[in-house]
Amino acid sequence: MTAPHPLRDDYRHFQPLDTRWHDNDLYGHVNNVVYYGYFDSAVNRYLIERGGLDIQDGEVVGFVVSSACDYFASVAFPDRLDVGLRVGKLGNSSVQYELAIFREGETEACAAGRFVHVFVERRSNRPVPIPPRLREALQALVMA
């Protein structure tokens, strides 16, 4: 028995995204590795815009230490997508994101993934507590 596809209502934030011509592979659909780029772009845009993450000069950066994705239905160029984002676990220096890819206007996910960021001090690459503004933005994504 397969697990039900995640639903749009299961996510707190959505990032619209257009597929690109070169996202398609020889089989005529978006290649599996491209989904990780979609996830990374949605999370980082949220962290920059809502959490004040300074990717150029900030003292703290997020390193991906774990990731996975499950696929339920193909998407292909020129599909318009929404990347659903929520936080599954918020720790002292780490966060587990849970994401899903939805075709524009659809309620069932085409894919669902997760990844973990550990926040580190840029110079030392050592874990540090998540800065307050960033933590506040992440807390807003935690599902009850």
N, C-alpha and C. Protein backbone atom coordinates (compact mmCIF):
# COMPACT_ATOMS: atom_id res chain seq x y z
N MET A 1 0.84 -1.18 0.00
CA MET A 1 0.00 0.00 0.00
C MET A 1 0.88 1.24 0.00
N THR A 2 0.61 2.17 -0.90
CA THR A 2 1.41 3.39 -0.97
C THR A 2 0.81 4.47 -0.08
N ALA A 3 1.68 5.33 0.42
CA ALA A 3 1.22 6.43 1.27
C ALA A 3 0.48 7.45 0.42
N PRO A 4 -0.49 8.14 0.99
CA PRO A 4 -1.20 9.16 0.22
C PRO A 4 -0.26 10.31 -0.13
N HIS A 5 -0.53 10.94 -1.24
CA HIS A 5 0.27 12.09 -1.65
C HIS A 5 0.00 13.24 -0.69
N PRO A 6 1.03 14.00 -0.34
CA PRO A 6 0.80 15.19 0.49
C PRO A 6 -0.17 16.14 -0.22
N LEU A 7 -0.91 16.88 0.57
CA LEU A 7 -1.89 17.82 0.05
C LEU A 7 -1.44 19.26 0.27
N ARG A 8 -1.91 20.13 -0.59
CA ARG A 8 -1.56 21.56 -0.52
C ARG A 8 -1.84 22.14 0.87
N ASP A 9 -2.93 21.75 1.50
CA ASP A 9 -3.29 22.29 2.82
C ASP A 9 -2.31 21.88 3.92
N ASP A 10 -1.41 20.96 3.63
CA ASP A 10 -0.44 20.49 4.62
C ASP A 10 0.79 21.41 4.73
N TYR A 11 0.84 22.49 3.95
CA TYR A 11 2.02 23.35 3.89
C TYR A 11 1.68 24.79 4.26
N ARG A 12 2.65 25.48 4.84
CA ARG A 12 2.47 26.84 5.35
C ARG A 12 2.79 27.93 4.33
N HIS A 13 3.77 27.68 3.47
CA HIS A 13 4.26 28.71 2.56
C HIS A 13 4.40 28.10 1.17
N PHE A 14 4.18 28.93 0.15
CA PHE A 14 4.31 28.46 -1.23
C PHE A 14 5.18 29.41 -2.03
N GLN A 15 6.06 28.81 -2.81
CA GLN A 15 6.92 29.58 -3.69
C GLN A 15 6.57 29.18 -5.12
N PRO A 16 6.04 30.12 -5.93
CA PRO A 16 5.75 29.78 -7.33
C PRO A 16 7.05 29.57 -8.10
N LEU A 17 6.98 28.68 -9.09
CA LEU A 17 8.17 28.32 -9.84
C LEU A 17 7.75 27.87 -11.23
N ASP A 18 8.40 28.38 -12.25
CA ASP A 18 8.16 27.91 -13.61
C ASP A 18 9.22 26.88 -13.97
N THR A 19 8.79 25.78 -14.56
CA THR A 19 9.76 24.83 -15.09
C THR A 19 10.48 25.51 -16.25
N ARG A 20 11.65 24.99 -16.57
CA ARG A 20 12.45 25.55 -17.65
C ARG A 20 12.64 24.47 -18.72
N TRP A 21 12.85 24.88 -19.94
CA TRP A 21 13.02 23.95 -21.05
C TRP A 21 14.09 22.91 -20.73
N HIS A 22 15.21 23.34 -20.18
CA HIS A 22 16.31 22.41 -19.94
C HIS A 22 16.12 21.54 -18.69
N ASP A 23 15.01 21.71 -17.96
CA ASP A 23 14.71 20.83 -16.82
C ASP A 23 14.28 19.44 -17.31
N ASN A 24 13.70 19.37 -18.51
CA ASN A 24 13.25 18.08 -19.05
C ASN A 24 14.45 17.22 -19.44
N ASP A 25 14.28 15.91 -19.25
CA ASP A 25 15.31 14.98 -19.66
C ASP A 25 14.88 14.27 -20.95
N LEU A 26 15.62 13.26 -21.36
CA LEU A 26 15.31 12.55 -22.61
C LEU A 26 13.97 11.84 -22.57
N TYR A 27 13.46 11.58 -21.37
CA TYR A 27 12.17 10.91 -21.23
C TYR A 27 11.00 11.89 -21.31
N GLY A 28 11.29 13.18 -21.43
CA GLY A 28 10.24 14.18 -21.62
C GLY A 28 9.63 14.71 -20.33
N HIS A 29 10.28 14.47 -19.20
CA HIS A 29 9.78 15.04 -17.93
C HIS A 29 10.95 15.62 -17.16
N VAL A 30 10.63 16.39 -16.11
CA VAL A 30 11.68 16.99 -15.29
C VAL A 30 12.49 15.88 -14.64
N ASN A 31 13.79 15.96 -14.78
CA ASN A 31 14.68 14.95 -14.23
C ASN A 31 14.68 15.01 -12.71
N ASN A 32 14.84 13.86 -12.09
CA ASN A 32 14.75 13.77 -10.63
C ASN A 32 15.70 14.70 -9.90
N VAL A 33 16.90 14.91 -10.39
CA VAL A 33 17.84 15.76 -9.67
C VAL A 33 17.43 17.23 -9.66
N VAL A 34 16.61 17.64 -10.61
CA VAL A 34 16.19 19.03 -10.71
C VAL A 34 15.28 19.40 -9.53
N TYR A 35 14.54 18.43 -9.00
CA TYR A 35 13.65 18.70 -7.87
C TYR A 35 14.43 19.25 -6.67
N TYR A 36 15.64 18.74 -6.47
CA TYR A 36 16.46 19.22 -5.35
C TYR A 36 16.81 20.70 -5.54
N GLY A 37 17.03 21.12 -6.77
CA GLY A 37 17.25 22.54 -7.06
C GLY A 37 16.02 23.37 -6.76
N TYR A 38 14.84 22.84 -7.11
CA TYR A 38 13.60 23.54 -6.79
C TYR A 38 13.47 23.72 -5.27
N PHE A 39 13.73 22.64 -4.53
CA PHE A 39 13.64 22.70 -3.07
C PHE A 39 14.61 23.73 -2.51
N ASP A 40 15.84 23.67 -2.95
CA ASP A 40 16.88 24.56 -2.45
C ASP A 40 16.54 26.02 -2.76
N SER A 41 16.05 26.27 -3.95
CA SER A 41 15.68 27.64 -4.33
C SER A 41 14.53 28.16 -3.48
N ALA A 42 13.52 27.35 -3.25
CA ALA A 42 12.36 27.78 -2.45
C ALA A 42 12.78 28.09 -1.01
N VAL A 43 13.57 27.21 -0.42
CA VAL A 43 14.01 27.42 0.96
C VAL A 43 14.88 28.66 1.07
N ASN A 44 15.86 28.79 0.20
CA ASN A 44 16.77 29.92 0.31
C ASN A 44 16.09 31.26 0.02
N ARG A 45 15.16 31.28 -0.91
CA ARG A 45 14.41 32.52 -1.14
C ARG A 45 13.65 32.91 0.14
N TYR A 46 13.02 31.93 0.78
CA TYR A 46 12.29 32.19 2.03
C TYR A 46 13.25 32.70 3.11
N LEU A 47 14.40 32.06 3.26
CA LEU A 47 15.35 32.46 4.30
C LEU A 47 15.89 33.87 4.05
N ILE A 48 16.13 34.20 2.80
CA ILE A 48 16.62 35.54 2.46
C ILE A 48 15.53 36.58 2.69
N GLU A 49 14.33 36.34 2.13
CA GLU A 49 13.27 37.34 2.19
C GLU A 49 12.61 37.46 3.56
N ARG A 50 12.40 36.36 4.24
CA ARG A 50 11.68 36.38 5.51
C ARG A 50 12.60 36.32 6.73
N GLY A 51 13.73 35.64 6.57
CA GLY A 51 14.62 35.45 7.71
C GLY A 51 15.85 36.33 7.73
N GLY A 52 16.03 37.12 6.68
CA GLY A 52 17.16 38.04 6.64
C GLY A 52 18.51 37.37 6.42
N LEU A 53 18.52 36.14 5.88
CA LEU A 53 19.78 35.46 5.64
C LEU A 53 20.59 36.22 4.59
N ASP A 54 21.82 36.55 4.94
CA ASP A 54 22.73 37.25 4.03
C ASP A 54 23.67 36.21 3.43
N ILE A 55 23.37 35.76 2.22
CA ILE A 55 24.17 34.68 1.61
C ILE A 55 25.54 35.15 1.14
N GLN A 56 25.72 36.46 0.98
CA GLN A 56 27.00 36.98 0.50
C GLN A 56 27.99 37.25 1.63
N ASP A 57 27.52 37.94 2.68
CA ASP A 57 28.45 38.42 3.71
C ASP A 57 28.05 38.04 5.13
N GLY A 58 26.98 37.29 5.30
CA GLY A 58 26.52 36.95 6.64
C GLY A 58 27.50 36.05 7.38
N GLU A 59 27.48 36.15 8.71
CA GLU A 59 28.36 35.34 9.54
C GLU A 59 27.88 33.90 9.64
N VAL A 60 26.57 33.67 9.38
CA VAL A 60 25.98 32.34 9.51
C VAL A 60 25.46 31.88 8.16
N VAL A 61 25.74 30.61 7.83
CA VAL A 61 25.24 30.00 6.59
C VAL A 61 24.65 28.64 6.92
N GLY A 62 23.79 28.14 6.04
CA GLY A 62 23.18 26.83 6.24
C GLY A 62 23.81 25.80 5.32
N PHE A 63 24.25 24.67 5.89
CA PHE A 63 24.79 23.56 5.11
C PHE A 63 23.76 22.44 5.07
N VAL A 64 23.50 21.91 3.88
CA VAL A 64 22.62 20.75 3.75
C VAL A 64 23.41 19.52 4.18
N VAL A 65 22.84 18.76 5.14
CA VAL A 65 23.52 17.56 5.64
C VAL A 65 22.74 16.28 5.34
N SER A 66 21.51 16.42 4.86
CA SER A 66 20.68 15.25 4.56
C SER A 66 19.58 15.68 3.61
N SER A 67 19.20 14.80 2.66
CA SER A 67 18.10 15.12 1.76
C SER A 67 17.50 13.84 1.18
N ALA A 68 16.23 13.95 0.78
CA ALA A 68 15.52 12.82 0.16
C ALA A 68 14.32 13.37 -0.61
N CYS A 69 13.82 12.57 -1.55
CA CYS A 69 12.65 12.96 -2.32
C CYS A 69 11.89 11.72 -2.78
N ASP A 70 10.56 11.79 -2.72
CA ASP A 70 9.68 10.75 -3.24
C ASP A 70 8.88 11.36 -4.38
N TYR A 71 8.71 10.59 -5.44
CA TYR A 71 8.05 11.08 -6.66
C TYR A 71 6.73 10.35 -6.86
N PHE A 72 5.67 11.11 -7.17
CA PHE A 72 4.34 10.53 -7.34
C PHE A 72 3.80 10.70 -8.75
N ALA A 73 4.13 11.80 -9.41
CA ALA A 73 3.64 12.08 -10.76
C ALA A 73 4.66 12.96 -11.47
N SER A 74 4.79 12.78 -12.76
CA SER A 74 5.76 13.57 -13.54
C SER A 74 5.28 15.00 -13.74
N VAL A 75 6.23 15.90 -13.80
CA VAL A 75 5.99 17.26 -14.26
C VAL A 75 6.93 17.50 -15.43
N ALA A 76 6.59 18.45 -16.27
CA ALA A 76 7.41 18.73 -17.45
C ALA A 76 7.24 20.18 -17.86
N PHE A 77 8.24 20.71 -18.56
CA PHE A 77 8.12 22.02 -19.16
C PHE A 77 6.95 21.98 -20.14
N PRO A 78 6.04 22.94 -20.11
CA PRO A 78 6.07 24.24 -19.48
C PRO A 78 5.18 24.33 -18.22
N ASP A 79 5.13 23.29 -17.39
CA ASP A 79 4.30 23.34 -16.18
C ASP A 79 4.71 24.50 -15.28
N ARG A 80 3.70 25.08 -14.67
CA ARG A 80 3.92 26.07 -13.60
C ARG A 80 3.70 25.35 -12.29
N LEU A 81 4.60 25.56 -11.36
CA LEU A 81 4.59 24.80 -10.12
C LEU A 81 4.50 25.73 -8.91
N ASP A 82 4.11 25.14 -7.79
CA ASP A 82 4.20 25.77 -6.48
C ASP A 82 4.99 24.81 -5.60
N VAL A 83 5.98 25.33 -4.91
CA VAL A 83 6.75 24.53 -3.97
C VAL A 83 6.21 24.83 -2.58
N GLY A 84 5.60 23.82 -1.96
CA GLY A 84 5.09 23.96 -0.60
C GLY A 84 6.22 23.76 0.39
N LEU A 85 6.22 24.56 1.44
CA LEU A 85 7.29 24.53 2.43
C LEU A 85 6.71 24.54 3.83
N ARG A 86 7.26 23.68 4.68
CA ARG A 86 6.94 23.69 6.11
C ARG A 86 8.18 23.20 6.86
N VAL A 87 8.17 23.38 8.16
CA VAL A 87 9.27 22.90 9.01
C VAL A 87 8.76 21.73 9.82
N GLY A 88 9.46 20.60 9.71
CA GLY A 88 9.10 19.41 10.46
C GLY A 88 9.74 19.36 11.83
N LYS A 89 10.96 19.91 11.92
CA LYS A 89 11.68 19.90 13.20
C LYS A 89 12.61 21.10 13.24
N LEU A 90 12.54 21.83 14.34
CA LEU A 90 13.39 23.00 14.53
C LEU A 90 14.23 22.79 15.77
N GLY A 91 15.53 22.64 15.57
CA GLY A 91 16.45 22.41 16.68
C GLY A 91 17.21 23.67 17.04
N ASN A 92 18.28 23.52 17.81
CA ASN A 92 19.10 24.64 18.23
C ASN A 92 19.90 25.22 17.06
N SER A 93 20.55 24.35 16.29
CA SER A 93 21.36 24.80 15.16
C SER A 93 20.92 24.18 13.84
N SER A 94 19.86 23.38 13.86
CA SER A 94 19.43 22.70 12.64
C SER A 94 17.92 22.81 12.45
N VAL A 95 17.52 22.58 11.20
CA VAL A 95 16.10 22.60 10.85
C VAL A 95 15.86 21.54 9.78
N GLN A 96 14.74 20.84 9.91
CA GLN A 96 14.33 19.90 8.86
C GLN A 96 13.17 20.52 8.11
N TYR A 97 13.40 20.76 6.82
CA TYR A 97 12.36 21.28 5.94
C TYR A 97 11.61 20.11 5.33
N GLU A 98 10.33 20.31 5.13
CA GLU A 98 9.51 19.35 4.39
C GLU A 98 8.89 20.13 3.24
N LEU A 99 9.06 19.62 2.04
CA LEU A 99 8.65 20.33 0.84
C LEU A 99 7.81 19.45 -0.06
N ALA A 100 7.02 20.08 -0.91
CA ALA A 100 6.25 19.33 -1.90
C ALA A 100 6.12 20.17 -3.16
N ILE A 101 6.09 19.47 -4.27
CA ILE A 101 5.92 20.10 -5.58
C ILE A 101 4.48 19.88 -6.04
N PHE A 102 3.80 20.98 -6.34
CA PHE A 102 2.42 20.93 -6.82
C PHE A 102 2.36 21.61 -8.18
N ARG A 103 1.62 21.02 -9.11
CA ARG A 103 1.29 21.76 -10.33
C ARG A 103 0.35 22.89 -9.91
N GLU A 104 0.48 24.02 -10.59
CA GLU A 104 -0.36 25.17 -10.29
C GLU A 104 -1.83 24.77 -10.28
N GLY A 105 -2.51 25.07 -9.17
CA GLY A 105 -3.93 24.80 -9.05
C GLY A 105 -4.30 23.40 -8.60
N GLU A 106 -3.33 22.48 -8.48
CA GLU A 106 -3.62 21.11 -8.05
C GLU A 106 -3.45 20.97 -6.54
N THR A 107 -4.21 20.05 -5.94
CA THR A 107 -4.17 19.87 -4.49
C THR A 107 -3.26 18.74 -4.04
N GLU A 108 -2.97 17.76 -4.92
CA GLU A 108 -2.09 16.65 -4.57
C GLU A 108 -0.68 16.90 -5.10
N ALA A 109 0.30 16.58 -4.27
CA ALA A 109 1.70 16.78 -4.64
C ALA A 109 2.15 15.80 -5.72
N CYS A 110 3.01 16.28 -6.58
CA CYS A 110 3.67 15.43 -7.58
C CYS A 110 4.94 14.81 -7.01
N ALA A 111 5.51 15.47 -6.01
CA ALA A 111 6.72 14.97 -5.34
C ALA A 111 6.76 15.59 -3.95
N ALA A 112 7.42 14.90 -3.03
CA ALA A 112 7.60 15.42 -1.68
C ALA A 112 9.00 15.09 -1.22
N GLY A 113 9.63 16.05 -0.57
CA GLY A 113 11.00 15.84 -0.13
C GLY A 113 11.26 16.49 1.21
N ARG A 114 12.45 16.26 1.68
CA ARG A 114 12.88 16.83 2.94
C ARG A 114 14.38 17.03 2.90
N PHE A 115 14.84 18.05 3.61
CA PHE A 115 16.28 18.17 3.81
C PHE A 115 16.55 18.91 5.11
N VAL A 116 17.75 18.72 5.60
CA VAL A 116 18.18 19.29 6.87
C VAL A 116 19.30 20.28 6.61
N HIS A 117 19.12 21.48 7.16
CA HIS A 117 20.17 22.49 7.20
C HIS A 117 20.76 22.50 8.60
N VAL A 118 22.07 22.55 8.69
CA VAL A 118 22.75 22.87 9.94
C VAL A 118 23.36 24.25 9.72
N PHE A 119 23.06 25.17 10.64
CA PHE A 119 23.59 26.52 10.53
C PHE A 119 24.96 26.56 11.20
N VAL A 120 25.91 27.14 10.46
CA VAL A 120 27.29 27.18 10.92
C VAL A 120 27.84 28.59 10.80
N GLU A 121 28.86 28.86 11.60
CA GLU A 121 29.59 30.12 11.49
C GLU A 121 30.44 30.01 10.22
N ARG A 122 30.32 30.99 9.35
CA ARG A 122 30.95 30.93 8.02
C ARG A 122 32.45 30.66 8.08
N ARG A 123 33.16 31.32 8.97
CA ARG A 123 34.62 31.19 9.00
C ARG A 123 35.09 29.84 9.53
N SER A 124 34.43 29.34 10.55
CA SER A 124 34.91 28.11 11.19
C SER A 124 34.21 26.84 10.70
N ASN A 125 33.05 27.02 10.05
CA ASN A 125 32.21 25.88 9.65
C ASN A 125 31.74 25.07 10.85
N ARG A 126 31.66 25.69 12.01
CA ARG A 126 31.20 25.03 13.23
C ARG A 126 29.74 25.40 13.48
N PRO A 127 28.91 24.45 13.93
CA PRO A 127 27.50 24.74 14.21
C PRO A 127 27.34 25.87 15.24
N VAL A 128 26.32 26.68 15.00
CA VAL A 128 25.97 27.78 15.90
C VAL A 128 24.46 27.81 16.06
N PRO A 129 23.96 28.41 17.14
CA PRO A 129 22.51 28.55 17.27
C PRO A 129 21.94 29.35 16.10
N ILE A 130 20.73 28.99 15.70
CA ILE A 130 20.05 29.72 14.62
C ILE A 130 19.79 31.15 15.10
N PRO A 131 20.21 32.16 14.33
CA PRO A 131 20.01 33.56 14.73
C PRO A 131 18.51 33.86 14.95
N PRO A 132 18.21 34.79 15.87
CA PRO A 132 16.81 35.06 16.26
C PRO A 132 15.86 35.37 15.09
N ARG A 133 16.24 36.25 14.17
CA ARG A 133 15.33 36.60 13.07
C ARG A 133 15.05 35.39 12.17
N LEU A 134 16.08 34.61 11.94
CA LEU A 134 15.93 33.40 11.14
C LEU A 134 15.07 32.37 11.86
N ARG A 135 15.28 32.22 13.16
CA ARG A 135 14.48 31.28 13.96
C ARG A 135 13.00 31.68 13.93
N GLU A 136 12.73 32.97 14.04
CA GLU A 136 11.36 33.46 14.00
C GLU A 136 10.68 33.10 12.66
N ALA A 137 11.40 33.28 11.56
CA ALA A 137 10.87 32.96 10.24
C ALA A 137 10.63 31.45 10.11
N LEU A 138 11.54 30.66 10.65
CA LEU A 138 11.39 29.19 10.61
C LEU A 138 10.26 28.73 11.50
N GLN A 139 10.12 29.35 12.66
CA GLN A 139 9.05 28.98 13.59
C GLN A 139 7.68 29.17 12.93
N ALA A 140 7.56 30.17 12.09
CA ALA A 140 6.29 30.43 11.39
C ALA A 140 5.90 29.29 10.45
N LEU A 141 6.85 28.44 10.10
CA LEU A 141 6.59 27.33 9.18
C LEU A 141 6.33 26.00 9.89
N VAL A 142 6.45 25.99 11.21
CA VAL A 142 6.25 24.76 11.97
C VAL A 142 4.76 24.42 11.97
N MET A 143 4.47 23.19 11.61
CA MET A 143 3.08 22.73 11.61
C MET A 143 2.73 22.22 13.01
N ALA A 144 1.53 22.56 13.47
CA ALA A 144 1.10 22.16 14.81
C ALA A 144 0.92 20.67 14.90
